C-alpha cells in the first residue's frame, strides 16, 4: 500500500490518503495479532516523522485527523464495536508524541478531557495513554509538572469513584505505577 502511495506524495490528496491508510484501524487488522499491529504502528509513526521533515504540512494533517478521530471516539459512549478503534487511535497519538509530531500540550489536553468523563471506555483509553507514553511524559522536562498533576488527580479519582469496579481500579493504579514507579526505600544494614 505504501509503495503505491509514494508516487502521489506531491499531491495533497495523495498525502491525505497515505495518512488515513497508516493511522486508521480497519476491521481486517483485528485478525492480525495485536503485537504485530502495534509494531507496525510504531514504524508508521517513524515514517510520518521522516516524511514530515520534507512535507511540513504532513505533521499538522496527521495531528488534525487523529485529534478529530479521538473526539469522535470519545463522544461515542461505550460502543463495543469501536473499542479497538479507540485504543488504536490512542496508541497512534502516543507514538507520534514520542516522535515530536503530536504536541505534548494537545495530548495532555485530550487526557484531561477524558479524565473529566471518567467512565466506560474512557478508563481504558486513559490506561492506554499512560501505558504507552506515560513514562515519556513523566520524564520529559516540559511535561513533567502538568503530567504529575494529572497523575495525582487520576489517583484520587481511582480511589474514590472506582471503588465498585475492581478491574478498572487495578488497571488505573497499574498504569499510574508504570508512569511513576514507587520510590524504592533504602534499607540500612545494621551491624549487630
N, C-alpha and C. Protein backbone atom coordinates (compact mmCIF):
# COMPACT_ATOMS: atom_id res chain seq x y z
N UNK A 1 0.84 -1.19 0.00
CA UNK A 1 0.00 0.00 0.00
C UNK A 1 0.88 1.25 0.00
N UNK A 2 1.89 1.27 0.85
CA UNK A 2 2.71 2.46 1.00
C UNK A 2 3.46 2.77 -0.28
N UNK A 3 3.98 1.74 -0.97
CA UNK A 3 4.73 1.96 -2.21
C UNK A 3 3.88 2.70 -3.23
N UNK A 4 2.64 2.27 -3.39
CA UNK A 4 1.77 2.91 -4.38
C UNK A 4 1.42 4.33 -3.97
N UNK A 5 1.43 4.62 -2.67
CA UNK A 5 1.09 5.96 -2.21
C UNK A 5 2.24 6.94 -2.36
N UNK A 6 3.48 6.45 -2.40
CA UNK A 6 4.63 7.35 -2.52
C UNK A 6 4.60 8.15 -3.81
N UNK A 7 4.09 7.58 -4.87
CA UNK A 7 4.10 8.28 -6.14
C UNK A 7 3.17 9.49 -6.14
N UNK A 8 2.28 9.56 -5.17
CA UNK A 8 1.32 10.66 -5.12
C UNK A 8 1.60 11.64 -3.98
N UNK A 9 2.78 11.57 -3.37
CA UNK A 9 3.05 12.42 -2.21
C UNK A 9 3.08 13.90 -2.55
N UNK A 10 3.39 14.24 -3.77
CA UNK A 10 3.42 15.65 -4.13
C UNK A 10 2.03 16.25 -4.26
N UNK A 11 1.03 15.40 -4.29
CA UNK A 11 -0.35 15.88 -4.35
C UNK A 11 -0.96 15.81 -2.96
N UNK A 12 -1.77 16.78 -2.64
CA UNK A 12 -2.37 16.84 -1.32
C UNK A 12 -3.27 15.63 -1.05
N UNK A 13 -4.04 15.21 -2.04
CA UNK A 13 -4.92 14.04 -1.87
C UNK A 13 -4.09 12.77 -1.61
N UNK A 14 -2.96 12.67 -2.25
CA UNK A 14 -2.09 11.50 -2.05
C UNK A 14 -1.55 11.45 -0.63
N UNK A 15 -1.13 12.58 -0.10
CA UNK A 15 -0.64 12.63 1.28
C UNK A 15 -1.77 12.32 2.27
N UNK A 16 -2.94 12.85 2.00
CA UNK A 16 -4.08 12.60 2.87
C UNK A 16 -4.45 11.12 2.88
N UNK A 17 -4.40 10.49 1.71
CA UNK A 17 -4.69 9.06 1.61
C UNK A 17 -3.65 8.24 2.36
N UNK A 18 -2.39 8.63 2.25
CA UNK A 18 -1.32 7.94 2.95
C UNK A 18 -1.53 8.02 4.46
N UNK A 19 -1.86 9.19 4.94
CA UNK A 19 -2.07 9.39 6.38
C UNK A 19 -3.23 8.55 6.88
N UNK A 20 -4.35 8.60 6.17
CA UNK A 20 -5.51 7.84 6.63
C UNK A 20 -5.27 6.34 6.53
N UNK A 21 -4.51 5.89 5.54
CA UNK A 21 -4.25 4.46 5.43
C UNK A 21 -3.28 3.98 6.50
N UNK A 22 -2.43 4.86 6.99
CA UNK A 22 -1.48 4.47 8.03
C UNK A 22 -2.09 4.48 9.43
N UNK A 23 -3.02 5.39 9.69
CA UNK A 23 -3.50 5.58 11.05
C UNK A 23 -4.98 5.34 11.26
N UNK A 24 -5.61 4.58 10.39
CA UNK A 24 -7.00 4.20 10.64
C UNK A 24 -7.05 2.70 10.86
N UNK A 25 -7.73 2.34 11.92
CA UNK A 25 -7.86 0.93 12.28
C UNK A 25 -8.93 0.31 11.40
N UNK A 26 -8.58 -0.73 10.71
CA UNK A 26 -9.53 -1.42 9.86
C UNK A 26 -9.92 -2.74 10.52
N UNK A 27 -11.10 -3.19 10.26
CA UNK A 27 -11.57 -4.43 10.87
C UNK A 27 -10.71 -5.62 10.47
N UNK A 28 -10.07 -5.55 9.29
CA UNK A 28 -9.21 -6.65 8.87
C UNK A 28 -7.99 -6.77 9.78
N UNK A 29 -7.62 -5.68 10.46
CA UNK A 29 -6.48 -5.73 11.38
C UNK A 29 -6.79 -6.53 12.62
N UNK A 30 -8.05 -6.73 12.94
CA UNK A 30 -8.41 -7.50 14.12
C UNK A 30 -8.04 -8.97 13.97
N UNK A 31 -7.81 -9.42 12.74
CA UNK A 31 -7.40 -10.81 12.50
C UNK A 31 -5.90 -11.00 12.70
N UNK A 32 -5.14 -9.91 12.68
CA UNK A 32 -3.69 -9.95 12.86
C UNK A 32 -3.40 -9.86 14.35
N UNK A 33 -2.38 -10.56 14.84
CA UNK A 33 -2.04 -10.45 16.27
C UNK A 33 -1.76 -9.00 16.67
N UNK A 34 -2.20 -8.64 17.89
CA UNK A 34 -2.09 -7.26 18.36
C UNK A 34 -0.65 -6.76 18.36
N UNK A 35 0.31 -7.62 18.73
CA UNK A 35 1.70 -7.18 18.79
C UNK A 35 2.19 -6.75 17.41
N UNK A 36 1.74 -7.43 16.37
CA UNK A 36 2.14 -7.08 15.00
C UNK A 36 1.54 -5.74 14.59
N UNK A 37 0.29 -5.53 14.94
CA UNK A 37 -0.39 -4.28 14.59
C UNK A 37 0.30 -3.10 15.26
N UNK A 38 0.67 -3.24 16.53
CA UNK A 38 1.26 -2.13 17.25
C UNK A 38 2.73 -1.93 16.88
N UNK A 39 3.42 -2.98 16.46
CA UNK A 39 4.77 -2.82 15.92
C UNK A 39 4.70 -2.05 14.61
N UNK A 40 3.72 -2.38 13.79
CA UNK A 40 3.52 -1.66 12.53
C UNK A 40 3.16 -0.20 12.80
N UNK A 41 2.42 0.05 13.85
CA UNK A 41 2.05 1.42 14.22
C UNK A 41 3.29 2.25 14.56
N UNK A 42 4.24 1.65 15.26
CA UNK A 42 5.49 2.35 15.58
C UNK A 42 6.27 2.69 14.32
N UNK A 43 6.30 1.77 13.38
CA UNK A 43 7.01 2.03 12.12
C UNK A 43 6.29 3.10 11.31
N UNK A 44 4.97 3.10 11.34
CA UNK A 44 4.20 4.13 10.64
C UNK A 44 4.48 5.51 11.24
N UNK A 45 4.59 5.57 12.56
CA UNK A 45 4.89 6.85 13.21
C UNK A 45 6.28 7.34 12.81
N UNK A 46 7.22 6.42 12.73
CA UNK A 46 8.57 6.79 12.30
C UNK A 46 8.57 7.28 10.85
N UNK A 47 7.78 6.62 10.01
CA UNK A 47 7.67 7.03 8.61
C UNK A 47 7.10 8.44 8.50
N UNK A 48 6.05 8.72 9.25
CA UNK A 48 5.45 10.05 9.23
C UNK A 48 6.43 11.09 9.77
N UNK A 49 7.20 10.73 10.79
CA UNK A 49 8.19 11.66 11.33
C UNK A 49 9.25 11.99 10.27
N UNK A 50 9.68 10.99 9.53
CA UNK A 50 10.67 11.22 8.47
C UNK A 50 10.08 12.04 7.33
N UNK A 51 8.86 11.71 6.93
CA UNK A 51 8.23 12.43 5.81
C UNK A 51 7.88 13.87 6.18
N UNK A 52 7.60 14.10 7.45
CA UNK A 52 7.24 15.46 7.85
C UNK A 52 8.43 16.40 7.82
N UNK A 53 9.64 15.85 7.75
CA UNK A 53 10.81 16.70 7.57
C UNK A 53 10.82 17.30 6.16
N UNK A 54 10.26 16.56 5.21
CA UNK A 54 10.20 17.02 3.82
C UNK A 54 8.90 17.80 3.58
N UNK A 55 7.79 17.20 4.00
CA UNK A 55 6.47 17.81 3.82
C UNK A 55 6.01 18.36 5.17
N UNK A 56 6.26 19.61 5.43
CA UNK A 56 5.98 20.21 6.74
C UNK A 56 4.51 20.14 7.14
N UNK A 57 3.63 20.25 6.15
CA UNK A 57 2.20 20.25 6.46
C UNK A 57 1.68 18.85 6.83
N UNK A 58 2.47 17.82 6.59
CA UNK A 58 2.02 16.46 6.88
C UNK A 58 1.81 16.26 8.38
N UNK A 59 2.66 16.84 9.21
CA UNK A 59 2.50 16.68 10.65
C UNK A 59 1.22 17.32 11.15
N UNK A 60 0.86 18.48 10.62
CA UNK A 60 -0.39 19.11 11.05
C UNK A 60 -1.60 18.33 10.54
N UNK A 61 -1.50 17.76 9.34
CA UNK A 61 -2.60 16.95 8.81
C UNK A 61 -2.82 15.71 9.68
N UNK A 62 -1.73 15.04 10.06
CA UNK A 62 -1.84 13.85 10.91
C UNK A 62 -2.44 14.22 12.26
N UNK A 63 -1.94 15.30 12.83
CA UNK A 63 -2.44 15.74 14.13
C UNK A 63 -3.93 16.06 14.08
N UNK A 64 -4.34 16.78 13.05
CA UNK A 64 -5.75 17.15 12.93
C UNK A 64 -6.64 15.93 12.75
N UNK A 65 -6.21 14.99 11.91
CA UNK A 65 -7.03 13.78 11.67
C UNK A 65 -7.15 12.95 12.94
N UNK A 66 -6.04 12.72 13.64
CA UNK A 66 -6.08 11.89 14.85
C UNK A 66 -6.86 12.58 15.97
N UNK A 67 -6.72 13.89 16.07
CA UNK A 67 -7.45 14.63 17.10
C UNK A 67 -8.95 14.59 16.83
N UNK A 68 -9.33 14.76 15.58
CA UNK A 68 -10.74 14.70 15.20
C UNK A 68 -11.31 13.30 15.46
N UNK A 69 -10.55 12.27 15.10
CA UNK A 69 -10.99 10.89 15.37
C UNK A 69 -11.11 10.64 16.87
N UNK A 70 -10.18 11.17 17.64
CA UNK A 70 -10.20 10.99 19.09
C UNK A 70 -11.48 11.55 19.69
N UNK A 71 -11.83 12.77 19.33
CA UNK A 71 -13.05 13.38 19.86
C UNK A 71 -14.29 12.61 19.41
N UNK A 72 -14.26 12.09 18.20
CA UNK A 72 -15.40 11.29 17.72
C UNK A 72 -15.52 10.02 18.56
N UNK A 73 -14.40 9.34 18.77
CA UNK A 73 -14.45 8.08 19.52
C UNK A 73 -14.87 8.30 20.97
N UNK A 74 -14.44 9.39 21.57
CA UNK A 74 -14.83 9.68 22.95
C UNK A 74 -16.31 10.01 23.03
N UNK A 75 -16.83 10.67 22.00
CA UNK A 75 -18.25 11.02 22.01
C UNK A 75 -19.16 9.81 21.84
N UNK A 76 -18.64 8.75 21.23
CA UNK A 76 -19.41 7.51 21.07
C UNK A 76 -19.25 6.68 22.34
N UNK A 77 -20.17 6.84 23.25
CA UNK A 77 -20.07 6.22 24.57
C UNK A 77 -20.30 4.71 24.51
N UNK A 78 -19.33 3.98 25.01
CA UNK A 78 -19.43 2.55 25.27
C UNK A 78 -19.95 1.70 24.12
N UNK A 79 -19.61 2.07 22.90
CA UNK A 79 -19.94 1.21 21.78
C UNK A 79 -18.82 0.20 21.64
N UNK A 80 -19.13 -1.05 21.93
CA UNK A 80 -18.11 -2.09 21.91
C UNK A 80 -17.50 -2.29 20.53
N UNK A 81 -18.24 -1.96 19.49
CA UNK A 81 -17.71 -2.12 18.14
C UNK A 81 -16.57 -1.14 17.86
N UNK A 82 -16.50 -0.05 18.61
CA UNK A 82 -15.45 0.95 18.40
C UNK A 82 -14.31 0.86 19.40
N UNK A 83 -14.33 -0.12 20.30
CA UNK A 83 -13.32 -0.18 21.35
C UNK A 83 -11.91 -0.31 20.78
N UNK A 84 -11.72 -1.21 19.83
CA UNK A 84 -10.39 -1.40 19.24
C UNK A 84 -9.95 -0.16 18.47
N UNK A 85 -10.89 0.53 17.84
CA UNK A 85 -10.57 1.77 17.14
C UNK A 85 -10.07 2.83 18.13
N UNK A 86 -10.73 2.91 19.29
CA UNK A 86 -10.35 3.89 20.31
C UNK A 86 -8.93 3.62 20.82
N UNK A 87 -8.64 2.37 21.11
CA UNK A 87 -7.32 2.01 21.61
C UNK A 87 -6.26 2.25 20.54
N UNK A 88 -6.56 1.91 19.30
CA UNK A 88 -5.62 2.11 18.20
C UNK A 88 -5.33 3.60 18.02
N UNK A 89 -6.35 4.43 18.09
CA UNK A 89 -6.19 5.87 17.95
C UNK A 89 -5.33 6.41 19.09
N UNK A 90 -5.58 5.98 20.31
CA UNK A 90 -4.79 6.45 21.46
C UNK A 90 -3.33 6.04 21.32
N UNK A 91 -3.09 4.82 20.86
CA UNK A 91 -1.71 4.37 20.68
C UNK A 91 -1.01 5.13 19.56
N UNK A 92 -1.74 5.43 18.49
CA UNK A 92 -1.15 6.20 17.38
C UNK A 92 -0.74 7.58 17.87
N UNK A 93 -1.59 8.22 18.66
CA UNK A 93 -1.27 9.53 19.21
C UNK A 93 -0.03 9.44 20.10
N UNK A 94 0.03 8.40 20.93
CA UNK A 94 1.18 8.24 21.82
C UNK A 94 2.49 8.07 21.05
N UNK A 95 2.45 7.27 20.00
CA UNK A 95 3.67 7.07 19.20
C UNK A 95 4.10 8.37 18.53
N UNK A 96 3.17 9.15 18.06
CA UNK A 96 3.51 10.41 17.40
C UNK A 96 4.00 11.46 18.41
N UNK A 97 3.55 11.37 19.65
CA UNK A 97 4.06 12.27 20.69
C UNK A 97 5.54 11.97 20.93
N UNK A 98 5.90 10.71 20.95
CA UNK A 98 7.29 10.34 21.18
C UNK A 98 8.21 10.86 20.08
N UNK A 99 7.69 10.96 18.86
CA UNK A 99 8.49 11.47 17.74
C UNK A 99 8.39 12.97 17.57
N UNK A 100 7.61 13.63 18.41
CA UNK A 100 7.50 15.08 18.35
C UNK A 100 6.56 15.59 17.27
N UNK A 101 5.77 14.72 16.68
CA UNK A 101 4.81 15.13 15.66
C UNK A 101 3.54 15.67 16.31
N UNK A 102 3.04 14.95 17.28
CA UNK A 102 1.83 15.35 18.01
C UNK A 102 2.28 16.14 19.23
N UNK A 103 1.65 17.27 19.46
CA UNK A 103 2.05 18.16 20.55
C UNK A 103 1.76 17.54 21.92
N UNK A 104 2.69 17.71 22.84
CA UNK A 104 2.50 17.23 24.21
C UNK A 104 1.35 17.97 24.87
N UNK A 105 1.24 19.28 24.62
CA UNK A 105 0.15 20.07 25.20
C UNK A 105 -1.22 19.55 24.75
N UNK A 106 -1.32 19.20 23.48
CA UNK A 106 -2.59 18.69 22.96
C UNK A 106 -2.91 17.34 23.60
N UNK A 107 -1.90 16.48 23.75
CA UNK A 107 -2.13 15.18 24.39
C UNK A 107 -2.59 15.36 25.83
N UNK A 108 -1.96 16.25 26.56
CA UNK A 108 -2.37 16.50 27.95
C UNK A 108 -3.78 17.07 28.02
N UNK A 109 -4.12 17.90 27.04
CA UNK A 109 -5.48 18.44 26.95
C UNK A 109 -6.49 17.32 26.69
N UNK A 110 -6.16 16.40 25.79
CA UNK A 110 -7.03 15.27 25.49
C UNK A 110 -7.16 14.35 26.70
N UNK A 111 -6.05 14.14 27.38
CA UNK A 111 -6.06 13.29 28.57
C UNK A 111 -6.95 13.88 29.66
N UNK A 112 -6.84 15.18 29.87
CA UNK A 112 -7.69 15.84 30.87
C UNK A 112 -9.16 15.79 30.46
N UNK A 113 -9.41 15.90 29.17
CA UNK A 113 -10.78 15.85 28.65
C UNK A 113 -11.44 14.51 28.97
N UNK A 114 -10.71 13.41 28.79
CA UNK A 114 -11.33 12.11 29.06
C UNK A 114 -11.32 11.77 30.54
N UNK A 115 -10.43 12.38 31.31
CA UNK A 115 -10.47 12.16 32.76
C UNK A 115 -11.69 12.85 33.36
N UNK A 116 -12.09 13.98 32.76
CA UNK A 116 -13.28 14.68 33.25
C UNK A 116 -14.54 13.84 33.10
N UNK A 117 -14.57 12.94 32.12
CA UNK A 117 -15.68 12.00 31.94
C UNK A 117 -15.11 10.59 32.08
N UNK A 118 -14.77 10.23 33.30
CA UNK A 118 -14.01 9.01 33.58
C UNK A 118 -14.93 7.81 33.79
N UNK A 119 -15.56 7.36 32.70
CA UNK A 119 -16.44 6.20 32.75
C UNK A 119 -16.25 5.35 31.51
N UNK A 120 -16.65 4.10 31.61
CA UNK A 120 -16.68 3.22 30.44
C UNK A 120 -15.33 3.04 29.77
N UNK A 121 -15.32 3.23 28.46
CA UNK A 121 -14.11 3.04 27.67
C UNK A 121 -13.07 4.12 27.92
N UNK A 122 -13.48 5.26 28.46
CA UNK A 122 -12.52 6.32 28.75
C UNK A 122 -11.47 5.86 29.76
N UNK A 123 -11.86 4.99 30.66
CA UNK A 123 -10.90 4.43 31.63
C UNK A 123 -9.82 3.66 30.89
N UNK A 124 -10.22 2.85 29.92
CA UNK A 124 -9.25 2.06 29.16
C UNK A 124 -8.39 2.94 28.27
N UNK A 125 -8.94 4.02 27.75
CA UNK A 125 -8.16 4.94 26.92
C UNK A 125 -7.10 5.65 27.77
N UNK A 126 -7.48 6.07 28.97
CA UNK A 126 -6.51 6.70 29.87
C UNK A 126 -5.39 5.72 30.20
N UNK A 127 -5.74 4.48 30.49
CA UNK A 127 -4.73 3.47 30.79
C UNK A 127 -3.83 3.21 29.58
N UNK A 128 -4.40 3.21 28.39
CA UNK A 128 -3.60 3.01 27.17
C UNK A 128 -2.60 4.14 26.99
N UNK A 129 -3.05 5.37 27.19
CA UNK A 129 -2.15 6.52 27.05
C UNK A 129 -1.05 6.46 28.10
N UNK A 130 -1.41 6.15 29.33
CA UNK A 130 -0.41 6.08 30.39
C UNK A 130 0.58 4.93 30.15
N UNK A 131 0.10 3.81 29.66
CA UNK A 131 0.98 2.67 29.40
C UNK A 131 1.94 2.94 28.26
N UNK A 132 1.50 3.69 27.24
CA UNK A 132 2.30 3.86 26.04
C UNK A 132 3.23 5.07 26.06
N UNK A 133 2.82 6.15 26.67
CA UNK A 133 3.74 7.29 26.70
C UNK A 133 3.76 8.00 28.05
N UNK A 134 3.22 7.36 29.07
CA UNK A 134 3.20 7.97 30.39
C UNK A 134 4.59 8.17 30.96
N UNK A 135 5.43 7.18 30.82
CA UNK A 135 6.81 7.29 31.33
C UNK A 135 7.56 8.39 30.56
N UNK A 136 7.33 8.48 29.26
CA UNK A 136 7.94 9.52 28.44
C UNK A 136 7.50 10.90 28.92
N UNK A 137 6.22 11.07 29.19
CA UNK A 137 5.71 12.35 29.66
C UNK A 137 6.22 12.68 31.06
N UNK A 138 6.32 11.66 31.89
CA UNK A 138 6.77 11.88 33.27
C UNK A 138 8.24 12.30 33.30
N UNK A 139 9.06 11.76 32.43
CA UNK A 139 10.48 12.09 32.40
C UNK A 139 10.80 13.30 31.54
N UNK A 140 9.84 13.78 30.77
CA UNK A 140 10.04 14.94 29.91
C UNK A 140 10.02 16.20 30.77
N UNK A 141 11.05 17.04 30.61
CA UNK A 141 11.16 18.25 31.43
C UNK A 141 9.98 19.19 31.20
N UNK A 142 9.52 19.28 29.97
CA UNK A 142 8.44 20.20 29.63
C UNK A 142 7.11 19.77 30.22
N UNK A 143 6.82 18.48 30.21
CA UNK A 143 5.50 17.98 30.60
C UNK A 143 5.45 17.42 32.02
N UNK A 144 6.57 17.36 32.70
CA UNK A 144 6.64 16.66 33.98
C UNK A 144 5.63 17.19 35.01
N UNK A 145 5.60 18.49 35.20
CA UNK A 145 4.73 19.07 36.24
C UNK A 145 3.26 18.87 35.90
N UNK A 146 2.88 19.17 34.66
CA UNK A 146 1.48 19.01 34.25
C UNK A 146 1.05 17.55 34.34
N UNK A 147 1.92 16.65 33.86
CA UNK A 147 1.56 15.24 33.87
C UNK A 147 1.51 14.69 35.30
N UNK A 148 2.39 15.16 36.16
CA UNK A 148 2.35 14.72 37.56
C UNK A 148 1.05 15.13 38.23
N UNK A 149 0.58 16.34 37.92
CA UNK A 149 -0.71 16.80 38.47
C UNK A 149 -1.85 15.94 37.95
N UNK A 150 -1.80 15.60 36.66
CA UNK A 150 -2.84 14.74 36.09
C UNK A 150 -2.81 13.36 36.75
N UNK A 151 -1.62 12.83 36.98
CA UNK A 151 -1.48 11.51 37.61
C UNK A 151 -2.01 11.55 39.05
N UNK A 152 -1.70 12.61 39.79
CA UNK A 152 -2.21 12.73 41.16
C UNK A 152 -3.74 12.80 41.17
N UNK A 153 -4.30 13.57 40.24
CA UNK A 153 -5.75 13.68 40.10
C UNK A 153 -6.34 12.32 39.74
N UNK A 154 -5.69 11.61 38.86
CA UNK A 154 -6.15 10.29 38.43
C UNK A 154 -6.13 9.30 39.59
N UNK A 155 -5.13 9.40 40.42
CA UNK A 155 -5.02 8.50 41.58
C UNK A 155 -6.18 8.74 42.55
N UNK A 156 -6.52 10.02 42.77
CA UNK A 156 -7.64 10.35 43.65
C UNK A 156 -8.95 9.81 43.07
N UNK A 157 -9.12 9.99 41.77
CA UNK A 157 -10.34 9.50 41.13
C UNK A 157 -10.43 7.99 41.22
N UNK A 158 -9.30 7.31 41.04
CA UNK A 158 -9.30 5.85 41.10
C UNK A 158 -9.69 5.35 42.48
N UNK A 159 -9.25 6.06 43.53
CA UNK A 159 -9.59 5.64 44.89
C UNK A 159 -11.04 5.92 45.25
N UNK A 160 -11.59 7.04 44.75
CA UNK A 160 -12.93 7.44 45.17
C UNK A 160 -14.04 6.92 44.28
N UNK A 161 -13.90 7.05 42.98
CA UNK A 161 -15.03 6.74 42.11
C UNK A 161 -15.01 5.33 41.53
N UNK A 162 -13.90 4.64 41.64
CA UNK A 162 -13.83 3.30 41.06
C UNK A 162 -13.86 2.20 42.12
N UNK A 163 -14.44 2.50 43.27
CA UNK A 163 -14.49 1.50 44.34
C UNK A 163 -15.34 0.29 43.95
N UNK A 164 -16.36 0.51 43.12
CA UNK A 164 -17.26 -0.56 42.73
C UNK A 164 -16.70 -1.43 41.61
N UNK A 165 -15.70 -0.93 40.89
CA UNK A 165 -15.15 -1.66 39.75
C UNK A 165 -13.68 -1.99 40.02
N UNK A 166 -13.46 -3.20 40.52
CA UNK A 166 -12.11 -3.59 40.93
C UNK A 166 -11.15 -3.69 39.74
N UNK A 167 -11.65 -4.18 38.60
CA UNK A 167 -10.79 -4.31 37.41
C UNK A 167 -10.30 -2.95 36.94
N UNK A 168 -11.21 -1.99 36.86
CA UNK A 168 -10.84 -0.65 36.41
C UNK A 168 -9.89 0.02 37.40
N UNK A 169 -10.16 -0.15 38.69
CA UNK A 169 -9.31 0.45 39.71
C UNK A 169 -7.88 -0.09 39.64
N UNK A 170 -7.76 -1.41 39.51
CA UNK A 170 -6.42 -2.01 39.43
C UNK A 170 -5.72 -1.64 38.14
N UNK A 171 -6.48 -1.55 37.07
CA UNK A 171 -5.90 -1.16 35.79
C UNK A 171 -5.35 0.26 35.85
N UNK A 172 -6.10 1.17 36.44
CA UNK A 172 -5.65 2.55 36.57
C UNK A 172 -4.42 2.64 37.47
N UNK A 173 -4.44 1.96 38.59
CA UNK A 173 -3.30 2.01 39.51
C UNK A 173 -2.06 1.39 38.88
N UNK A 174 -2.21 0.33 38.10
CA UNK A 174 -1.06 -0.26 37.39
C UNK A 174 -0.50 0.72 36.37
N UNK A 175 -1.37 1.41 35.67
CA UNK A 175 -0.91 2.40 34.69
C UNK A 175 -0.18 3.55 35.36
N UNK A 176 -0.67 3.96 36.52
CA UNK A 176 0.00 5.03 37.27
C UNK A 176 1.38 4.56 37.70
N UNK A 177 1.48 3.32 38.15
CA UNK A 177 2.77 2.80 38.58
C UNK A 177 3.74 2.62 37.42
N UNK A 178 3.23 2.41 36.21
CA UNK A 178 4.11 2.35 35.05
C UNK A 178 4.68 3.74 34.77
N UNK A 179 3.84 4.76 34.91
CA UNK A 179 4.30 6.14 34.66
C UNK A 179 5.28 6.60 35.73
N UNK A 180 4.90 6.37 36.95
CA UNK A 180 5.69 6.86 38.08
C UNK A 180 5.87 5.71 39.07
N UNK A 181 6.97 4.97 38.90
CA UNK A 181 7.19 3.84 39.80
C UNK A 181 7.31 4.29 41.25
N UNK A 182 7.00 3.38 42.14
CA UNK A 182 7.10 3.67 43.56
C UNK A 182 8.55 3.96 43.92
N UNK A 183 8.73 4.87 44.84
CA UNK A 183 10.07 5.18 45.31
C UNK A 183 10.62 3.96 46.06
N UNK A 184 11.82 3.60 45.72
CA UNK A 184 12.44 2.47 46.42
C UNK A 184 12.96 2.97 47.76
N UNK A 185 12.67 2.21 48.78
CA UNK A 185 13.16 2.59 50.10
C UNK A 185 14.50 1.94 50.32
N UNK A 186 15.37 2.70 50.87
CA UNK A 186 16.71 2.19 51.16
C UNK A 186 16.69 1.57 52.55
N UNK A 187 17.23 0.39 52.63
CA UNK A 187 17.34 -0.28 53.91
C UNK A 187 18.79 -0.20 54.35
N UNK A 188 19.00 0.33 55.52
CA UNK A 188 20.35 0.40 56.06
C UNK A 188 20.67 -0.91 56.75
N UNK A 189 21.88 -1.34 56.51
CA UNK A 189 22.32 -2.56 57.19
C UNK A 189 22.77 -2.17 58.58
N UNK A 190 22.25 -2.88 59.51
CA UNK A 190 22.60 -2.61 60.91
C UNK A 190 23.52 -3.71 61.39
N UNK A 191 24.66 -3.30 61.93
CA UNK A 191 25.60 -4.29 62.46
C UNK A 191 25.18 -4.64 63.86
N UNK A 192 25.22 -5.92 64.14
CA UNK A 192 24.81 -6.39 65.45
C UNK A 192 26.00 -6.72 66.28
